[in-house]
Amino acid sequence: MVNHIGIILDGNRRLAKRLMLQPWKGHEFGAQKVMKLVDWCSELDVNELTLYAFSMQNFNRPKQEFDYLMKLFVEFCNDEEMIRRLHRNQIRVNFIGRIHLFPEEVYVSMKRLIEETKDYSNHTINFAVAYGGREEIIDAVKKLGRDIESGKVDVSSINEETFENFLYMKSEPELIIRTGGDHRTSNFLAWQSTYSEWFFLQKFWPEFEKEDLVSVIDQFEKRERRFGK
């Protein structure tokens, strides 16, 4: 039984290039696939998803592509069918990362969706945007440092469990999927993925289908997880 799955949504632009389309069309296909993924995970009783959708390095994308991505984020957050689906299935949405760096319209749309779904507990979707695993740890250290300075935290009390309280997200995925053919972790969940099982797929993200998800889960359930023992 898998409770939490992480996915690096890679390959949108390369699929668009293969189809001889502008790169942002690949991102549009990728967003549509996320909607389908939500349904598949509900059917398969996966309680939590963490999706790597926009890294800190992605801020360096060409302006036209970046602007289209921001437009896509706003449209996604305000899509009426998607919002109805979230409410119907009682899905809580989180955006983890330095989302304050986004344009105001994007930031406001994300915060509104977080607020609208904060009381749901059936399922959770974490969108890792303006995200980096190292950046998450640095931000956690800064928050911890401020609490030490103010006297809220005693240095002698710090351990892994207390440190996790300062991260964007405490939950750890049992398995992580990366589409697109690359075999690297790309700064995704540097803390939380310590004992995650990784699966690397050749398919680009928009090509990912339900049978791929089922196949990965089947392979995961056959693996022996020893946690260093």
C-alpha atoms as a PDB file:
ATOM      1  CA  MET A   1       0.000   0.000   0.000  1.00  0.00           C
ATOM      2  CA  VAL A   2       1.439   3.377  -1.044  1.00  0.00           C
ATOM      3  CA  ASN A   3       0.430   6.417   0.954  1.00  0.00           C
ATOM      4  CA  HIS A   4       2.576   9.178  -0.571  1.00  0.00           C
ATOM      5  CA  ILE A   5       4.021   9.453  -4.090  1.00  0.00           C
ATOM      6  CA  GLY A   6       6.364  12.146  -5.372  1.00  0.00           C
ATOM      7  CA  ILE A   7       6.706  12.858  -9.090  1.00  0.00           C
ATOM      8  CA  ILE A   8       9.201  14.993 -11.013  1.00  0.00           C
ATOM      9  CA  LEU A   9       7.110  16.192 -13.953  1.00  0.00           C
ATOM     10  CA  ASP A  10       9.853  16.218 -16.585  1.00  0.00           C
ATOM     11  CA  GLY A  11       9.756  16.270 -20.358  1.00  0.00           C
ATOM     12  CA  ASN A  12       7.035  18.788 -21.247  1.00  0.00           C
ATOM     13  CA  ARG A  13       9.262  20.922 -23.457  1.00  0.00           C
ATOM     14  CA  ARG A  14      10.974  17.977 -25.126  1.00  0.00           C
ATOM     15  CA  LEU A  15       7.612  16.482 -26.069  1.00  0.00           C
ATOM     16  CA  ALA A  16       6.542  19.789 -27.603  1.00  0.00           C
ATOM     17  CA  LYS A  17       9.801  19.926 -29.552  1.00  0.00           C
ATOM     18  CA  ARG A  18       9.244  16.392 -30.829  1.00  0.00           C
ATOM     19  CA  LEU A  19       5.771  17.446 -31.976  1.00  0.00           C
ATOM     20  CA  MET A  20       7.264  20.606 -33.537  1.00  0.00           C
ATOM     21  CA  LEU A  21       5.261  22.884 -31.241  1.00  0.00           C
ATOM     22  CA  GLN A  22       6.233  25.846 -29.090  1.00  0.00           C
ATOM     23  CA  PRO A  23       7.669  24.693 -25.721  1.00  0.00           C
ATOM     24  CA  TRP A  24       4.816  26.152 -23.678  1.00  0.00           C
ATOM     25  CA  LYS A  25       2.358  23.812 -25.418  1.00  0.00           C
ATOM     26  CA  GLY A  26       4.154  20.981 -23.643  1.00  0.00           C
ATOM     27  CA  HIS A  27       3.428  22.641 -20.297  1.00  0.00           C
ATOM     28  CA  GLU A  28      -0.241  22.846 -21.251  1.00  0.00           C
ATOM     29  CA  PHE A  29      -0.287  19.111 -22.004  1.00  0.00           C
ATOM     30  CA  GLY A  30       1.476  18.502 -18.705  1.00  0.00           C
ATOM     31  CA  ALA A  31      -1.131  20.457 -16.720  1.00  0.00           C
ATOM     32  CA  GLN A  32      -3.906  18.433 -18.334  1.00  0.00           C
ATOM     33  CA  LYS A  33      -2.139  15.229 -17.288  1.00  0.00           C
ATOM     34  CA  VAL A  34      -1.991  16.413 -13.673  1.00  0.00           C
ATOM     35  CA  MET A  35      -5.792  16.600 -13.662  1.00  0.00           C
ATOM     36  CA  LYS A  36      -5.967  12.963 -14.776  1.00  0.00           C
ATOM     37  CA  LEU A  37      -3.347  11.947 -12.213  1.00  0.00           C
ATOM     38  CA  VAL A  38      -5.533  13.270  -9.396  1.00  0.00           C
ATOM     39  CA  ASP A  39      -8.334  10.926 -10.463  1.00  0.00           C
ATOM     40  CA  TRP A  40      -6.009   7.930 -10.818  1.00  0.00           C
ATOM     41  CA  CYS A  41      -4.577   8.426  -7.351  1.00  0.00           C
ATOM     42  CA  SER A  42      -8.059   8.693  -5.849  1.00  0.00           C
ATOM     43  CA  GLU A  43      -8.997   5.411  -7.529  1.00  0.00           C
ATOM     44  CA  LEU A  44      -5.817   3.734  -6.259  1.00  0.00           C
ATOM     45  CA  ASP A  45      -6.177   5.093  -2.694  1.00  0.00           C
ATOM     46  CA  VAL A  46      -2.974   7.118  -2.819  1.00  0.00           C
ATOM     47  CA  ASN A  47      -3.492   9.660  -0.048  1.00  0.00           C
ATOM     48  CA  GLU A  48      -0.777  12.185  -0.867  1.00  0.00           C
ATOM     49  CA  LEU A  49       1.011  13.482  -3.951  1.00  0.00           C
ATOM     50  CA  THR A  50       3.973  15.828  -4.169  1.00  0.00           C
ATOM     51  CA  LEU A  51       4.551  17.133  -7.689  1.00  0.00           C
ATOM     52  CA  TYR A  52       7.735  18.956  -8.720  1.00  0.00           C
ATOM     53  CA  ALA A  53       6.323  21.490 -11.150  1.00  0.00           C
ATOM     54  CA  PHE A  54       8.690  24.496 -11.064  1.00  0.00           C
ATOM     55  CA  SER A  55      12.210  24.621  -9.647  1.00  0.00           C
ATOM     56  CA  MET A  56      14.147  27.663  -8.476  1.00  0.00           C
ATOM     57  CA  GLN A  57      16.297  27.295 -11.582  1.00  0.00           C
ATOM     58  CA  ASN A  58      13.192  27.537 -13.788  1.00  0.00           C
ATOM     59  CA  PHE A  59      13.051  31.267 -13.051  1.00  0.00           C
ATOM     60  CA  ASN A  60      15.821  31.492 -15.675  1.00  0.00           C
ATOM     61  CA  ARG A  61      13.555  30.240 -18.466  1.00  0.00           C
ATOM     62  CA  PRO A  62      13.066  32.567 -21.490  1.00  0.00           C
ATOM     63  CA  LYS A  63      10.615  35.377 -20.669  1.00  0.00           C
ATOM     64  CA  GLN A  64       7.942  34.246 -23.135  1.00  0.00           C
ATOM     65  CA  GLU A  65       7.951  30.731 -21.712  1.00  0.00           C
ATOM     66  CA  PHE A  66       8.057  32.015 -18.108  1.00  0.00           C
ATOM     67  CA  ASP A  67       5.102  34.347 -18.728  1.00  0.00           C
ATOM     68  CA  TYR A  68       3.113  31.496 -20.248  1.00  0.00           C
ATOM     69  CA  LEU A  69       3.867  29.278 -17.247  1.00  0.00           C
ATOM     70  CA  MET A  70       2.649  31.989 -14.877  1.00  0.00           C
ATOM     71  CA  LYS A  71      -0.545  32.313 -16.928  1.00  0.00           C
ATOM     72  CA  LEU A  72      -0.960  28.533 -16.793  1.00  0.00           C
ATOM     73  CA  PHE A  73      -0.531  28.507 -12.997  1.00  0.00           C
ATOM     74  CA  VAL A  74      -3.242  31.148 -12.595  1.00  0.00           C
ATOM     75  CA  GLU A  75      -5.604  29.317 -14.947  1.00  0.00           C
ATOM     76  CA  PHE A  76      -4.979  26.028 -13.139  1.00  0.00           C
ATOM     77  CA  CYS A  77      -5.696  27.565  -9.720  1.00  0.00           C
ATOM     78  CA  ASN A  78      -8.908  29.114 -11.000  1.00  0.00           C
ATOM     79  CA  ASP A  79     -10.171  26.267 -13.167  1.00  0.00           C
ATOM     80  CA  GLU A  80     -13.786  25.703 -12.093  1.00  0.00           C
ATOM     81  CA  GLU A  81     -13.853  22.004 -12.968  1.00  0.00           C
ATOM     82  CA  MET A  82     -10.624  21.418 -11.068  1.00  0.00           C
ATOM     83  CA  ILE A  83     -11.928  23.303  -8.019  1.00  0.00           C
ATOM     84  CA  ARG A  84     -15.176  21.301  -8.056  1.00  0.00           C
ATOM     85  CA  ARG A  85     -13.120  18.109  -8.196  1.00  0.00           C
ATOM     86  CA  LEU A  86     -11.052  19.195  -5.200  1.00  0.00           C
ATOM     87  CA  HIS A  87     -14.153  19.948  -3.156  1.00  0.00           C
ATOM     88  CA  ARG A  88     -15.961  16.800  -4.269  1.00  0.00           C
ATOM     89  CA  ASN A  89     -13.044  14.579  -3.255  1.00  0.00           C
ATOM     90  CA  GLN A  90     -12.049  16.724  -0.236  1.00  0.00           C
ATOM     91  CA  ILE A  91      -8.492  17.235  -1.445  1.00  0.00           C
ATOM     92  CA  ARG A  92      -6.211  19.648   0.382  1.00  0.00           C
ATOM     93  CA  VAL A  93      -3.804  21.616  -1.813  1.00  0.00           C
ATOM     94  CA  ASN A  94      -0.434  22.960  -0.677  1.00  0.00           C
ATOM     95  CA  PHE A  95       2.169  24.914  -2.620  1.00  0.00           C
ATOM     96  CA  ILE A  96       5.612  24.334  -1.141  1.00  0.00           C
ATOM     97  CA  GLY A  97       8.549  26.528  -2.043  1.00  0.00           C
ATOM     98  CA  ARG A  98       9.393  30.221  -2.185  1.00  0.00           C
ATOM     99  CA  ILE A  99       6.050  31.118  -3.725  1.00  0.00           C
ATOM    100  CA  HIS A 100       6.411  34.738  -2.601  1.00  0.00           C
ATOM    101  CA  LEU A 101       8.836  35.097  -5.528  1.00  0.00           C
ATOM    102  CA  PHE A 102       6.039  34.642  -8.067  1.00  0.00           C
ATOM    103  CA  PRO A 103       4.134  37.556  -9.616  1.00  0.00           C
ATOM    104  CA  GLU A 104       1.362  38.795  -7.310  1.00  0.00           C
ATOM    105  CA  GLU A 105      -1.499  37.309  -9.354  1.00  0.00           C
ATOM    106  CA  VAL A 106       0.114  33.858  -9.202  1.00  0.00           C
ATOM    107  CA  TYR A 107       0.891  34.141  -5.493  1.00  0.00           C
ATOM    108  CA  VAL A 108      -2.640  35.286  -4.628  1.00  0.00           C
ATOM    109  CA  SER A 109      -4.217  32.469  -6.684  1.00  0.00           C
ATOM    110  CA  MET A 110      -2.083  29.865  -4.935  1.00  0.00           C
ATOM    111  CA  LYS A 111      -2.791  31.240  -1.454  1.00  0.00           C
ATOM    112  CA  ARG A 112      -6.527  31.303  -2.190  1.00  0.00           C
ATOM    113  CA  LEU A 113      -6.524  27.637  -3.214  1.00  0.00           C
ATOM    114  CA  ILE A 114      -4.576  26.710  -0.077  1.00  0.00           C
ATOM    115  CA  GLU A 115      -7.111  28.564   2.076  1.00  0.00           C
ATOM    116  CA  GLU A 116     -10.154  27.080   0.316  1.00  0.00           C
ATOM    117  CA  THR A 117      -8.983  23.490   0.831  1.00  0.00           C
ATOM    118  CA  LYS A 118      -7.106  23.699   4.147  1.00  0.00           C
ATOM    119  CA  ASP A 119      -9.751  21.798   6.146  1.00  0.00           C
ATOM    120  CA  TYR A 120      -9.834  18.733   3.875  1.00  0.00           C
ATOM    121  CA  SER A 121      -8.099  15.546   4.971  1.00  0.00           C
ATOM    122  CA  ASN A 122      -9.092  12.791   2.511  1.00  0.00           C
ATOM    123  CA  HIS A 123      -6.201  13.494   0.139  1.00  0.00           C
ATOM    124  CA  THR A 124      -3.371  16.013  -0.180  1.00  0.00           C
ATOM    125  CA  ILE A 125      -1.588  17.416  -3.228  1.00  0.00           C
ATOM    126  CA  ASN A 126       1.636  19.336  -2.657  1.00  0.00           C
ATOM    127  CA  PHE A 127       2.834  21.346  -5.646  1.00  0.00           C
ATOM    128  CA  ALA A 128       6.572  22.007  -5.320  1.00  0.00           C
ATOM    129  CA  VAL A 129       6.953  25.343  -7.110  1.00  0.00           C
ATOM    130  CA  ALA A 130       9.719  27.942  -6.785  1.00  0.00           C
ATOM    131  CA  TYR A 131      11.160  24.933  -5.015  1.00  0.00           C
ATOM    132  CA  GLY A 132      14.577  23.468  -4.327  1.00  0.00           C
ATOM    133  CA  GLY A 133      15.515  20.866  -1.751  1.00  0.00           C
ATOM    134  CA  ARG A 134      18.666  22.701  -0.664  1.00  0.00           C
ATOM    135  CA  GLU A 135      16.741  25.971  -0.522  1.00  0.00           C
ATOM    136  CA  GLU A 136      14.142  24.288   1.685  1.00  0.00           C
ATOM    137  CA  ILE A 137      16.822  23.211   4.155  1.00  0.00           C
ATOM    138  CA  ILE A 138      18.419  26.678   4.136  1.00  0.00           C
ATOM    139  CA  ASP A 139      15.031  28.297   4.800  1.00  0.00           C
ATOM    140  CA  ALA A 140      14.417  25.827   7.628  1.00  0.00           C
ATOM    141  CA  VAL A 141      17.793  26.653   9.194  1.00  0.00           C
ATOM    142  CA  LYS A 142      16.992  30.367   9.036  1.00  0.00           C
ATOM    143  CA  LYS A 143      13.612  29.867  10.737  1.00  0.00           C
ATOM    144  CA  LEU A 144      15.196  27.646  13.361  1.00  0.00           C
ATOM    145  CA  GLY A 145      17.918  30.222  13.954  1.00  0.00           C
ATOM    146  CA  ARG A 146      15.356  32.952  14.556  1.00  0.00           C
ATOM    147  CA  ASP A 147      13.551  30.752  17.082  1.00  0.00           C
ATOM    148  CA  ILE A 148      16.834  30.001  18.844  1.00  0.00           C
ATOM    149  CA  GLU A 149      17.616  33.731  19.028  1.00  0.00           C
ATOM    150  CA  SER A 150      14.185  34.526  20.433  1.00  0.00           C
ATOM    151  CA  GLY A 151      14.433  31.754  23.012  1.00  0.00           C
ATOM    152  CA  LYS A 152      11.610  29.661  21.567  1.00  0.00           C
ATOM    153  CA  VAL A 153      13.949  26.740  20.884  1.00  0.00           C
ATOM    154  CA  ASP A 154      16.734  25.369  23.058  1.00  0.00           C
ATOM    155  CA  VAL A 155      19.719  24.184  20.984  1.00  0.00           C
ATOM    156  CA  SER A 156      20.001  21.032  23.083  1.00  0.00           C
ATOM    157  CA  SER A 157      16.471  20.004  22.041  1.00  0.00           C
ATOM    158  CA  ILE A 158      17.210  19.977  18.301  1.00  0.00           C
ATOM    159  CA  ASN A 159      16.985  16.596  16.584  1.00  0.00           C
ATOM    160  CA  GLU A 160      15.613  15.303  13.277  1.00  0.00           C
ATOM    161  CA  GLU A 161      12.042  15.376  14.536  1.00  0.00           C
ATOM    162  CA  THR A 162      12.191  18.960  15.760  1.00  0.00           C
ATOM    163  CA  PHE A 163      14.062  20.128  12.646  1.00  0.00           C
ATOM    164  CA  GLU A 164      11.327  18.714  10.397  1.00  0.00           C
ATOM    165  CA  ASN A 165       8.901  21.191  11.930  1.00  0.00           C
ATOM    166  CA  PHE A 166      10.738  23.982  10.099  1.00  0.00           C
ATOM    167  CA  LEU A 167      10.605  22.377   6.647  1.00  0.00           C
ATOM    168  CA  TYR A 168       7.991  23.219   4.021  1.00  0.00           C
ATOM    169  CA  MET A 169       6.658  19.668   4.405  1.00  0.00           C
ATOM    170  CA  LYS A 170       7.213  16.897   6.952  1.00  0.00           C
ATOM    171  CA  SER A 171       5.608  14.028   5.043  1.00  0.00           C
ATOM    172  CA  GLU A 172       8.005  11.646   3.263  1.00  0.00           C
ATOM    173  CA  PRO A 173       7.057   9.899  -0.012  1.00  0.00           C
ATOM    174  CA  GLU A 174       7.536   6.145  -0.099  1.00  0.00           C
ATOM    175  CA  LEU A 175       8.254   6.284  -3.809  1.00  0.00           C
ATOM    176  CA  ILE A 176       9.314   8.957  -6.285  1.00  0.00           C
ATOM    177  CA  ILE A 177       8.846   8.826 -10.052  1.00  0.00           C
ATOM    178  CA  ARG A 178      10.850  10.863 -12.541  1.00  0.00           C
ATOM    179  CA  THR A 179       9.626  10.985 -16.120  1.00  0.00           C
ATOM    180  CA  GLY A 180      11.646  12.182 -19.096  1.00  0.00           C
ATOM    181  CA  GLY A 181      14.523   9.692 -19.116  1.00  0.00           C
ATOM    182  CA  ASP A 182      17.011  11.473 -16.851  1.00  0.00           C
ATOM    183  CA  HIS A 183      18.458   9.630 -13.849  1.00  0.00           C
ATOM    184  CA  ARG A 184      19.039  12.353 -11.268  1.00  0.00           C
ATOM    185  CA  THR A 185      17.132  13.789  -8.326  1.00  0.00           C
ATOM    186  CA  SER A 186      17.451  17.447  -9.383  1.00  0.00           C
ATOM    187  CA  ASN A 187      17.229  18.950  -5.894  1.00  0.00           C
ATOM    188  CA  PHE A 188      13.815  17.401  -5.181  1.00  0.00           C
ATOM    189  CA  LEU A 189      12.914  16.693  -1.541  1.00  0.00           C
ATOM    190  CA  ALA A 190      16.541  16.485  -0.420  1.00  0.00           C
ATOM    191  CA  TRP A 191      15.493  15.835   3.192  1.00  0.00           C
ATOM    192  CA  GLN A 192      12.257  13.882   2.742  1.00  0.00           C
ATOM    193  CA  SER A 193      13.498  11.450   0.058  1.00  0.00           C
ATOM    194  CA  THR A 194      16.238   9.838   2.177  1.00  0.00           C
ATOM    195  CA  TYR A 195      14.529   6.426   2.103  1.00  0.00           C
ATOM    196  CA  SER A 196      12.245   6.882  -0.888  1.00  0.00           C
ATOM    197  CA  GLU A 197      12.290   4.277  -3.652  1.00  0.00           C
ATOM    198  CA  TRP A 198      13.102   5.940  -6.994  1.00  0.00           C
ATOM    199  CA  PHE A 199      11.707   4.992 -10.405  1.00  0.00           C
ATOM    200  CA  PHE A 200      12.999   6.590 -13.631  1.00  0.00           C
ATOM    201  CA  LEU A 201      10.779   6.415 -16.717  1.00  0.00           C
ATOM    202  CA  GLN A 202      11.687   7.158 -20.330  1.00  0.00           C
ATOM    203  CA  LYS A 203       8.267   8.621 -21.101  1.00  0.00           C
ATOM    204  CA  PHE A 204       7.826  12.379 -21.064  1.00  0.00           C
ATOM    205  CA  TRP A 205       5.386  13.591 -18.417  1.00  0.00           C
ATOM    206  CA  PRO A 206       2.439  14.304 -20.787  1.00  0.00           C
ATOM    207  CA  GLU A 207       2.770  10.701 -22.065  1.00  0.00           C
ATOM    208  CA  PHE A 208       2.424   9.222 -18.572  1.00  0.00           C
ATOM    209  CA  GLU A 209      -0.674   7.022 -18.237  1.00  0.00           C
ATOM    210  CA  LYS A 210      -2.557   5.200 -15.511  1.00  0.00           C
ATOM    211  CA  GLU A 211      -0.947   1.873 -16.443  1.00  0.00           C
ATOM    212  CA  ASP A 212       2.480   3.442 -15.826  1.00  0.00           C
ATOM    213  CA  LEU A 213       1.391   4.474 -12.341  1.00  0.00           C
ATOM    214  CA  VAL A 214      -0.023   1.015 -11.621  1.00  0.00           C
ATOM    215  CA  SER A 215       3.170  -0.632 -12.920  1.00  0.00           C
ATOM    216  CA  VAL A 216       5.402   1.499 -10.678  1.00  0.00           C
ATOM    217  CA  ILE A 217       3.242   0.802  -7.638  1.00  0.00           C
ATOM    218  CA  ASP A 218       3.385  -2.952  -8.408  1.00  0.00           C
ATOM    219  CA  GLN A 219       7.189  -2.808  -8.667  1.00  0.00           C
ATOM    220  CA  PHE A 220       7.406  -0.798  -5.456  1.00  0.00           C
ATOM    221  CA  GLU A 221       5.375  -3.357  -3.548  1.00  0.00           C
ATOM    222  CA  LYS A 222       7.838  -6.080  -4.624  1.00  0.00           C
ATOM    223  CA  ARG A 223      10.866  -4.212  -3.325  1.00  0.00           C
ATOM    224  CA  GLU A 224      12.328  -4.971   0.083  1.00  0.00           C
ATOM    225  CA  ARG A 225      12.691  -1.736   2.038  1.00  0.00           C
ATOM    226  CA  ARG A 226      15.367  -2.242   4.706  1.00  0.00           C
ATOM    227  CA  PHE A 227      15.899   1.391   5.779  1.00  0.00           C
ATOM    228  CA  GLY A 228      19.621   0.762   6.208  1.00  0.00           C
ATOM    229  CA  LYS A 229      19.104  -2.276   8.432  1.00  0.00           C
END
